[in-house]
PDB file of N, CA and C in Angstrom:
ATOM      1  N   MET A   1       0.820  -1.199   0.000  1.00  0.00           N
ATOM      2  CA  MET A   1       0.000   0.000   0.000  1.00  0.00           C
ATOM      3  C   MET A   1       0.863   1.262   0.000  1.00  0.00           C
ATOM      4  N   LEU A   2       1.821   1.301   0.905  1.00  0.00           N
ATOM      5  CA  LEU A   2       2.694   2.461   1.000  1.00  0.00           C
ATOM      6  C   LEU A   2       3.518   2.625  -0.272  1.00  0.00           C
ATOM      7  N   GLU A   3       3.978   1.515  -0.824  1.00  0.00           N
ATOM      8  CA  GLU A   3       4.774   1.570  -2.052  1.00  0.00           C
ATOM      9  C   GLU A   3       3.940   2.129  -3.208  1.00  0.00           C
ATOM     10  N   ALA A   4       2.705   1.717  -3.334  1.00  0.00           N
ATOM     11  CA  ALA A   4       1.830   2.217  -4.395  1.00  0.00           C
ATOM     12  C   ALA A   4       1.572   3.714  -4.226  1.00  0.00           C
ATOM     13  N   LEU A   5       1.373   4.139  -2.995  1.00  0.00           N
ATOM     14  CA  LEU A   5       1.153   5.555  -2.708  1.00  0.00           C
ATOM     15  C   LEU A   5       2.390   6.381  -3.064  1.00  0.00           C
ATOM     16  N   LEU A   6       3.547   5.863  -2.715  1.00  0.00           N
ATOM     17  CA  LEU A   6       4.793   6.543  -3.029  1.00  0.00           C
ATOM     18  C   LEU A   6       5.001   6.631  -4.543  1.00  0.00           C
ATOM     19  N   LEU A   7       4.760   5.550  -5.264  1.00  0.00           N
ATOM     20  CA  LEU A   7       4.907   5.563  -6.720  1.00  0.00           C
ATOM     21  C   LEU A   7       3.931   6.535  -7.375  1.00  0.00           C
ATOM     22  N   ASP A   8       2.720   6.621  -6.858  1.00  0.00           N
ATOM     23  CA  ASP A   8       1.744   7.578  -7.378  1.00  0.00           C
ATOM     24  C   ASP A   8       2.225   9.006  -7.141  1.00  0.00           C
ATOM     25  N   TYR A   9       2.735   9.265  -5.960  1.00  0.00           N
ATOM     26  CA  TYR A   9       3.249  10.595  -5.630  1.00  0.00           C
ATOM     27  C   TYR A   9       4.397  10.980  -6.567  1.00  0.00           C
ATOM     28  N   ILE A  10       5.318  10.060  -6.756  1.00  0.00           N
ATOM     29  CA  ILE A  10       6.457  10.323  -7.637  1.00  0.00           C
ATOM     30  C   ILE A  10       5.982  10.582  -9.056  1.00  0.00           C
ATOM     31  N   ALA A  11       5.049   9.799  -9.542  1.00  0.00           N
ATOM     32  CA  ALA A  11       4.545   9.973 -10.905  1.00  0.00           C
ATOM     33  C   ALA A  11       3.877  11.336 -11.081  1.00  0.00           C
ATOM     34  N   ARG A  12       3.151  11.780 -10.086  1.00  0.00           N
ATOM     35  CA  ARG A  12       2.448  13.068 -10.191  1.00  0.00           C
ATOM     36  C   ARG A  12       3.374  14.267 -10.126  1.00  0.00           C
ATOM     37  N   TYR A  13       4.414  14.176  -9.309  1.00  0.00           N
ATOM     38  CA  TYR A  13       5.228  15.350  -9.036  1.00  0.00           C
ATOM     39  C   TYR A  13       6.632  15.303  -9.635  1.00  0.00           C
ATOM     40  N   LYS A  14       6.969  14.228 -10.286  1.00  0.00           N
ATOM     41  CA  LYS A  14       8.330  14.074 -10.792  1.00  0.00           C
ATOM     42  C   LYS A  14       8.716  15.183 -11.760  1.00  0.00           C
ATOM     43  N   MET A  15       7.889  15.474 -12.723  1.00  0.00           N
ATOM     44  CA  MET A  15       8.247  16.481 -13.716  1.00  0.00           C
ATOM     45  C   MET A  15       8.376  17.865 -13.082  1.00  0.00           C
ATOM     46  N   GLY A  16       7.461  18.235 -12.216  1.00  0.00           N
ATOM     47  CA  GLY A  16       7.550  19.531 -11.556  1.00  0.00           C
ATOM     48  C   GLY A  16       8.786  19.625 -10.674  1.00  0.00           C
ATOM     49  N   PHE A  17       9.089  18.558  -9.986  1.00  0.00           N
ATOM     50  CA  PHE A  17      10.240  18.538  -9.098  1.00  0.00           C
ATOM     51  C   PHE A  17      11.530  18.715  -9.885  1.00  0.00           C
ATOM     52  N   ILE A  18      11.650  18.038 -10.994  1.00  0.00           N
ATOM     53  CA  ILE A  18      12.852  18.137 -11.804  1.00  0.00           C
ATOM     54  C   ILE A  18      13.007  19.549 -12.354  1.00  0.00           C
ATOM     55  N   SER A  19      11.953  20.112 -12.911  1.00  0.00           N
ATOM     56  CA  SER A  19      12.073  21.429 -13.526  1.00  0.00           C
ATOM     57  C   SER A  19      12.284  22.529 -12.491  1.00  0.00           C
ATOM     58  N   GLU A  20      11.746  22.375 -11.300  1.00  0.00           N
ATOM     59  CA  GLU A  20      11.918  23.385 -10.254  1.00  0.00           C
ATOM     60  C   GLU A  20      13.347  23.436  -9.735  1.00  0.00           C
ATOM     61  N   ASN A  21      14.059  22.329  -9.822  1.00  0.00           N
ATOM     62  CA  ASN A  21      15.386  22.253  -9.223  1.00  0.00           C
ATOM     63  C   ASN A  21      16.514  22.459 -10.222  1.00  0.00           C
ATOM     64  N   MET A  22      16.210  22.804 -11.439  1.00  0.00           N
ATOM     65  CA  MET A  22      17.250  23.059 -12.419  1.00  0.00           C
ATOM     66  C   MET A  22      17.856  24.433 -12.154  1.00  0.00           C
ATOM     67  N   ILE A  23      19.161  24.484 -12.151  1.00  0.00           N
ATOM     68  CA  ILE A  23      19.859  25.761 -12.002  1.00  0.00           C
ATOM     69  C   ILE A  23      20.426  26.091 -13.371  1.00  0.00           C
ATOM     70  N   SER A  24      19.826  27.070 -13.993  1.00  0.00           N
ATOM     71  CA  SER A  24      20.214  27.415 -15.359  1.00  0.00           C
ATOM     72  C   SER A  24      21.454  28.297 -15.381  1.00  0.00           C
ATOM     73  N   GLU A  25      22.125  28.276 -16.497  1.00  0.00           N
ATOM     74  CA  GLU A  25      23.271  29.155 -16.707  1.00  0.00           C
ATOM     75  C   GLU A  25      22.824  30.612 -16.626  1.00  0.00           C
ATOM     76  N   GLU A  26      21.635  30.878 -17.132  1.00  0.00           N
ATOM     77  CA  GLU A  26      21.092  32.240 -17.090  1.00  0.00           C
ATOM     78  C   GLU A  26      20.922  32.720 -15.645  1.00  0.00           C
ATOM     79  N   LEU A  27      20.417  31.842 -14.779  1.00  0.00           N
ATOM     80  CA  LEU A  27      20.249  32.203 -13.370  1.00  0.00           C
ATOM     81  C   LEU A  27      21.602  32.498 -12.730  1.00  0.00           C
ATOM     82  N   VAL A  28      22.562  31.630 -12.934  1.00  0.00           N
ATOM     83  CA  VAL A  28      23.893  31.819 -12.357  1.00  0.00           C
ATOM     84  C   VAL A  28      24.509  33.125 -12.857  1.00  0.00           C
ATOM     85  N   ASN A  29      24.375  33.384 -14.142  1.00  0.00           N
ATOM     86  CA  ASN A  29      24.964  34.597 -14.721  1.00  0.00           C
ATOM     87  C   ASN A  29      24.242  35.871 -14.297  1.00  0.00           C
ATOM     88  N   SER A  30      23.016  35.745 -13.817  1.00  0.00           N
ATOM     89  CA  SER A  30      22.265  36.932 -13.394  1.00  0.00           C
ATOM     90  C   SER A  30      22.667  37.414 -12.004  1.00  0.00           C
ATOM     91  N   PHE A  31      23.420  36.600 -11.263  1.00  0.00           N
ATOM     92  CA  PHE A  31      23.778  36.962  -9.891  1.00  0.00           C
ATOM     93  C   PHE A  31      24.853  38.038  -9.862  1.00  0.00           C
ATOM     94  N   ASP A  32      24.708  38.931  -8.878  1.00  0.00           N
ATOM     95  CA  ASP A  32      25.725  39.941  -8.616  1.00  0.00           C
ATOM     96  C   ASP A  32      26.121  39.811  -7.141  1.00  0.00           C
ATOM     97  N   GLU A  33      26.953  40.712  -6.657  1.00  0.00           N
ATOM     98  CA  GLU A  33      27.435  40.621  -5.278  1.00  0.00           C
ATOM     99  C   GLU A  33      26.303  40.746  -4.257  1.00  0.00           C
ATOM    100  N   LYS A  34      25.365  41.638  -4.515  1.00  0.00           N
ATOM    101  CA  LYS A  34      24.256  41.834  -3.578  1.00  0.00           C
ATOM    102  C   LYS A  34      23.379  40.582  -3.497  1.00  0.00           C
ATOM    103  N   MET A  35      23.065  39.995  -4.630  1.00  0.00           N
ATOM    104  CA  MET A  35      22.233  38.793  -4.641  1.00  0.00           C
ATOM    105  C   MET A  35      22.947  37.629  -3.953  1.00  0.00           C
ATOM    106  N   THR A  36      24.260  37.530  -4.167  1.00  0.00           N
ATOM    107  CA  THR A  36      25.037  36.471  -3.532  1.00  0.00           C
ATOM    108  C   THR A  36      25.075  36.676  -2.023  1.00  0.00           C
ATOM    109  N   PHE A  37      25.219  37.924  -1.593  1.00  0.00           N
ATOM    110  CA  PHE A  37      25.204  38.236  -0.165  1.00  0.00           C
ATOM    111  C   PHE A  37      23.864  37.824   0.456  1.00  0.00           C
ATOM    112  N   GLU A  38      22.753  38.132  -0.212  1.00  0.00           N
ATOM    113  CA  GLU A  38      21.431  37.775   0.301  1.00  0.00           C
ATOM    114  C   GLU A  38      21.259  36.258   0.378  1.00  0.00           C
ATOM    115  N   LEU A  39      21.757  35.552  -0.630  1.00  0.00           N
ATOM    116  CA  LEU A  39      21.707  34.088  -0.614  1.00  0.00           C
ATOM    117  C   LEU A  39      22.516  33.540   0.561  1.00  0.00           C
ATOM    118  N   ALA A  40      23.722  34.051   0.741  1.00  0.00           N
ATOM    119  CA  ALA A  40      24.580  33.596   1.838  1.00  0.00           C
ATOM    120  C   ALA A  40      23.963  33.922   3.202  1.00  0.00           C
ATOM    121  N   THR A  41      23.320  35.064   3.300  1.00  0.00           N
ATOM    122  CA  THR A  41      22.665  35.443   4.556  1.00  0.00           C
ATOM    123  C   THR A  41      21.553  34.463   4.895  1.00  0.00           C
ATOM    124  N   ARG A  42      20.759  34.096   3.908  1.00  0.00           N
ATOM    125  CA  ARG A  42      19.697  33.104   4.150  1.00  0.00           C
ATOM    126  C   ARG A  42      20.296  31.792   4.638  1.00  0.00           C
ATOM    127  N   LEU A  43      21.390  31.379   4.011  1.00  0.00           N
ATOM    128  CA  LEU A  43      22.024  30.128   4.426  1.00  0.00           C
ATOM    129  C   LEU A  43      22.601  30.241   5.836  1.00  0.00           C
ATOM    130  N   GLU A  44      23.200  31.371   6.159  1.00  0.00           N
ATOM    131  CA  GLU A  44      23.751  31.582   7.503  1.00  0.00           C
ATOM    132  C   GLU A  44      22.649  31.528   8.560  1.00  0.00           C
ATOM    133  N   GLU A  45      21.529  32.184   8.280  1.00  0.00           N
ATOM    134  CA  GLU A  45      20.430  32.245   9.247  1.00  0.00           C
ATOM    135  C   GLU A  45      19.712  30.909   9.366  1.00  0.00           C
ATOM    136  N   ASP A  46      19.726  30.125   8.307  1.00  0.00           N
ATOM    137  CA  ASP A  46      19.137  28.779   8.298  1.00  0.00           C
ATOM    138  C   ASP A  46      17.714  28.769   8.856  1.00  0.00           C
ATOM    139  N   ASN A  47      16.911  29.714   8.378  1.00  0.00           N
ATOM    140  CA  ASN A  47      15.539  29.845   8.852  1.00  0.00           C
ATOM    141  C   ASN A  47      14.576  29.525   7.702  1.00  0.00           C
ATOM    142  N   TYR A  48      14.597  28.287   7.258  1.00  0.00           N
ATOM    143  CA  TYR A  48      13.782  27.854   6.129  1.00  0.00           C
ATOM    144  C   TYR A  48      12.538  27.121   6.610  1.00  0.00           C
ATOM    145  N   GLU A  49      11.484  27.197   5.791  1.00  0.00           N
ATOM    146  CA  GLU A  49      10.251  26.470   6.128  1.00  0.00           C
ATOM    147  C   GLU A  49      10.467  24.966   6.063  1.00  0.00           C
ATOM    148  N   THR A  50      11.235  24.525   5.061  1.00  0.00           N
ATOM    149  CA  THR A  50      11.528  23.096   4.933  1.00  0.00           C
ATOM    150  C   THR A  50      13.023  22.919   4.700  1.00  0.00           C
ATOM    151  N   PRO A  51      13.549  21.756   5.009  1.00  0.00           N
ATOM    152  CA  PRO A  51      14.961  21.500   4.715  1.00  0.00           C
ATOM    153  C   PRO A  51      15.265  21.593   3.217  1.00  0.00           C
ATOM    154  N   PHE A  52      14.276  21.297   2.399  1.00  0.00           N
ATOM    155  CA  PHE A  52      14.491  21.330   0.954  1.00  0.00           C
ATOM    156  C   PHE A  52      14.714  22.753   0.441  1.00  0.00           C
ATOM    157  N   ASP A  53      14.105  23.735   1.089  1.00  0.00           N
ATOM    158  CA  ASP A  53      14.337  25.132   0.700  1.00  0.00           C
ATOM    159  C   ASP A  53      15.796  25.511   0.950  1.00  0.00           C
ATOM    160  N   GLY A  54      16.326  25.087   2.079  1.00  0.00           N
ATOM    161  CA  GLY A  54      17.726  25.342   2.378  1.00  0.00           C
ATOM    162  C   GLY A  54      18.651  24.608   1.428  1.00  0.00           C
ATOM    163  N   LEU A  55      18.276  23.400   1.078  1.00  0.00           N
ATOM    164  CA  LEU A  55      19.080  22.615   0.149  1.00  0.00           C
ATOM    165  C   LEU A  55      19.113  23.258  -1.236  1.00  0.00           C
ATOM    166  N   LYS A  56      18.007  23.829  -1.664  1.00  0.00           N
ATOM    167  CA  LYS A  56      17.977  24.532  -2.957  1.00  0.00           C
ATOM    168  C   LYS A  56      18.951  25.703  -2.945  1.00  0.00           C
ATOM    169  N   ASP A  57      18.953  26.477  -1.859  1.00  0.00           N
ATOM    170  CA  ASP A  57      19.882  27.601  -1.762  1.00  0.00           C
ATOM    171  C   ASP A  57      21.325  27.106  -1.717  1.00  0.00           C
ATOM    172  N   TRP A  58      21.576  26.002  -1.009  1.00  0.00           N
ATOM    173  CA  TRP A  58      22.920  25.456  -0.927  1.00  0.00           C
ATOM    174  C   TRP A  58      23.419  25.052  -2.317  1.00  0.00           C
ATOM    175  N   HIS A  59      22.551  24.394  -3.089  1.00  0.00           N
ATOM    176  CA  HIS A  59      22.933  23.992  -4.445  1.00  0.00           C
ATOM    177  C   HIS A  59      23.172  25.211  -5.338  1.00  0.00           C
ATOM    178  N   LEU A  60      22.401  26.247  -5.138  1.00  0.00           N
ATOM    179  CA  LEU A  60      22.601  27.465  -5.911  1.00  0.00           C
ATOM    180  C   LEU A  60      23.939  28.102  -5.566  1.00  0.00           C
ATOM    181  N   LEU A  61      24.267  28.180  -4.278  1.00  0.00           N
ATOM    182  CA  LEU A  61      25.560  28.730  -3.887  1.00  0.00           C
ATOM    183  C   LEU A  61      26.690  27.859  -4.434  1.00  0.00           C
ATOM    184  N   ARG A  62      26.512  26.566  -4.433  1.00  0.00           N
ATOM    185  CA  ARG A  62      27.522  25.659  -4.980  1.00  0.00           C
ATOM    186  C   ARG A  62      27.709  25.909  -6.475  1.00  0.00           C
ATOM    187  N   ALA A  63      26.613  26.092  -7.207  1.00  0.00           N
ATOM    188  CA  ALA A  63      26.699  26.383  -8.643  1.00  0.00           C
ATOM    189  C   ALA A  63      27.421  27.708  -8.872  1.00  0.00           C
ATOM    190  N   LEU A  64      27.150  28.677  -8.016  1.00  0.00           N
ATOM    191  CA  LEU A  64      27.849  29.958  -8.123  1.00  0.00           C
ATOM    192  C   LEU A  64      29.342  29.782  -7.836  1.00  0.00           C
ATOM    193  N   ALA A  65      29.680  28.976  -6.851  1.00  0.00           N
ATOM    194  CA  ALA A  65      31.084  28.759  -6.508  1.00  0.00           C
ATOM    195  C   ALA A  65      31.835  28.095  -7.662  1.00  0.00           C
ATOM    196  N   ILE A  66      31.180  27.237  -8.384  1.00  0.00           N
ATOM    197  CA  ILE A  66      31.810  26.547  -9.510  1.00  0.00           C
ATOM    198  C   ILE A  66      31.923  27.468 -10.718  1.00  0.00           C
ATOM    199  N   ASN A  67      30.858  28.195 -11.017  1.00  0.00           N
ATOM    200  CA  ASN A  67      30.795  28.981 -12.244  1.00  0.00           C
ATOM    201  C   ASN A  67      31.153  30.453 -12.090  1.00  0.00           C
ATOM    202  N   ARG A  68      31.007  30.988 -10.896  1.00  0.00           N
ATOM    203  CA  ARG A  68      31.290  32.408 -10.636  1.00  0.00           C
ATOM    204  C   ARG A  68      32.039  32.532  -9.312  1.00  0.00           C
ATOM    205  N   PRO A  69      33.205  31.930  -9.190  1.00  0.00           N
ATOM    206  CA  PRO A  69      33.894  31.890  -7.895  1.00  0.00           C
ATOM    207  C   PRO A  69      34.227  33.262  -7.321  1.00  0.00           C
ATOM    208  N   GLU A  70      34.312  34.265  -8.170  1.00  0.00           N
ATOM    209  CA  GLU A  70      34.601  35.611  -7.672  1.00  0.00           C
ATOM    210  C   GLU A  70      33.493  36.142  -6.772  1.00  0.00           C
ATOM    211  N   LEU A  71      32.292  35.593  -6.912  1.00  0.00           N
ATOM    212  CA  LEU A  71      31.157  36.034  -6.090  1.00  0.00           C
ATOM    213  C   LEU A  71      31.076  35.312  -4.748  1.00  0.00           C
ATOM    214  N   THR A  72      31.724  34.166  -4.629  1.00  0.00           N
ATOM    215  CA  THR A  72      31.487  33.318  -3.459  1.00  0.00           C
ATOM    216  C   THR A  72      32.699  33.154  -2.548  1.00  0.00           C
ATOM    217  N   SER A  73      33.789  33.841  -2.831  1.00  0.00           N
ATOM    218  CA  SER A  73      35.004  33.617  -2.038  1.00  0.00           C
ATOM    219  C   SER A  73      34.802  33.901  -0.541  1.00  0.00           C
ATOM    220  N   ASN A  74      33.924  34.813  -0.199  1.00  0.00           N
ATOM    221  CA  ASN A  74      33.666  35.116   1.221  1.00  0.00           C
ATOM    222  C   ASN A  74      32.687  34.148   1.874  1.00  0.00           C
ATOM    223  N   TYR A  75      32.089  33.258   1.101  1.00  0.00           N
ATOM    224  CA  TYR A  75      31.030  32.391   1.625  1.00  0.00           C
ATOM    225  C   TYR A  75      31.350  30.907   1.462  1.00  0.00           C
ATOM    226  N   ILE A  76      32.579  30.600   1.119  1.00  0.00           N
ATOM    227  CA  ILE A  76      32.944  29.206   0.851  1.00  0.00           C
ATOM    228  C   ILE A  76      32.762  28.323   2.089  1.00  0.00           C
ATOM    229  N   HIS A  77      32.835  28.928   3.274  1.00  0.00           N
ATOM    230  CA  HIS A  77      32.629  28.164   4.515  1.00  0.00           C
ATOM    231  C   HIS A  77      31.228  27.563   4.578  1.00  0.00           C
ATOM    232  N   LEU A  78      30.282  28.147   3.863  1.00  0.00           N
ATOM    233  CA  LEU A  78      28.920  27.612   3.858  1.00  0.00           C
ATOM    234  C   LEU A  78      28.818  26.331   3.030  1.00  0.00           C
ATOM    235  N   LEU A  79      29.805  26.094   2.189  1.00  0.00           N
ATOM    236  CA  LEU A  79      29.805  24.900   1.349  1.00  0.00           C
ATOM    237  C   LEU A  79      30.670  23.790   1.914  1.00  0.00           C
ATOM    238  N   ASP A  80      31.603  24.127   2.774  1.00  0.00           N
ATOM    239  CA  ASP A  80      32.488  23.116   3.350  1.00  0.00           C
ATOM    240  C   ASP A  80      31.693  22.140   4.182  1.00  0.00           C
ATOM    241  N   GLN A  81      32.075  20.887   4.047  1.00  0.00           N
ATOM    242  CA  GLN A  81      31.416  19.855   4.832  1.00  0.00           C
ATOM    243  C   GLN A  81      32.451  19.226   5.750  1.00  0.00           C
ATOM    244  N   GLU A  82      32.014  18.923   6.945  1.00  0.00           N
ATOM    245  CA  GLU A  82      32.890  18.283   7.909  1.00  0.00           C
ATOM    246  C   GLU A  82      33.152  16.842   7.472  1.00  0.00           C
ATOM    247  N   PRO A  83      34.396  16.394   7.585  1.00  0.00           N
ATOM    248  CA  PRO A  83      34.671  14.993   7.279  1.00  0.00           C
ATOM    249  C   PRO A  83      33.965  14.108   8.315  1.00  0.00           C
ATOM    250  N   PHE A  84      33.574  12.938   7.894  1.00  0.00           N
ATOM    251  CA  PHE A  84      32.913  12.033   8.826  1.00  0.00           C
ATOM    252  C   PHE A  84      33.402  10.620   8.598  1.00  0.00           C
ATOM    253  N   ASP A  85      33.286   9.824   9.608  1.00  0.00           N
ATOM    254  CA  ASP A  85      33.711   8.429   9.570  1.00  0.00           C
ATOM    255  C   ASP A  85      32.521   7.572   9.183  1.00  0.00           C
ATOM    256  N   GLU A  86      32.670   6.808   8.113  1.00  0.00           N
ATOM    257  CA  GLU A  86      31.565   5.969   7.645  1.00  0.00           C
ATOM    258  C   GLU A  86      31.510   4.634   8.360  1.00  0.00           C
ATOM    259  N   ASN A  87      32.476   4.344   9.225  1.00  0.00           N
ATOM    260  CA  ASN A  87      32.490   3.044   9.923  1.00  0.00           C
ATOM    261  C   ASN A  87      31.506   3.010  11.054  1.00  0.00           C
TER     262      ASN A  87
END
């Protein structure tokens, strides 16, 4: 029962989910220092309605760090992840 419900949910929302999470080159290129600062501030405050909202911002900052590193040099600490032991 749960598996069928999950598959139905995925089928209904898969296309919207994929298109909502695409980070376009146009979006990355539209960012300036002020927009990057606002994005970093949201991540610092970590006051999101859902964890997925924060994850979207994190992925956007990561895309900026890869494609526009001059904008993110002051915020790279927000992308660093602590090493962890998988054992």
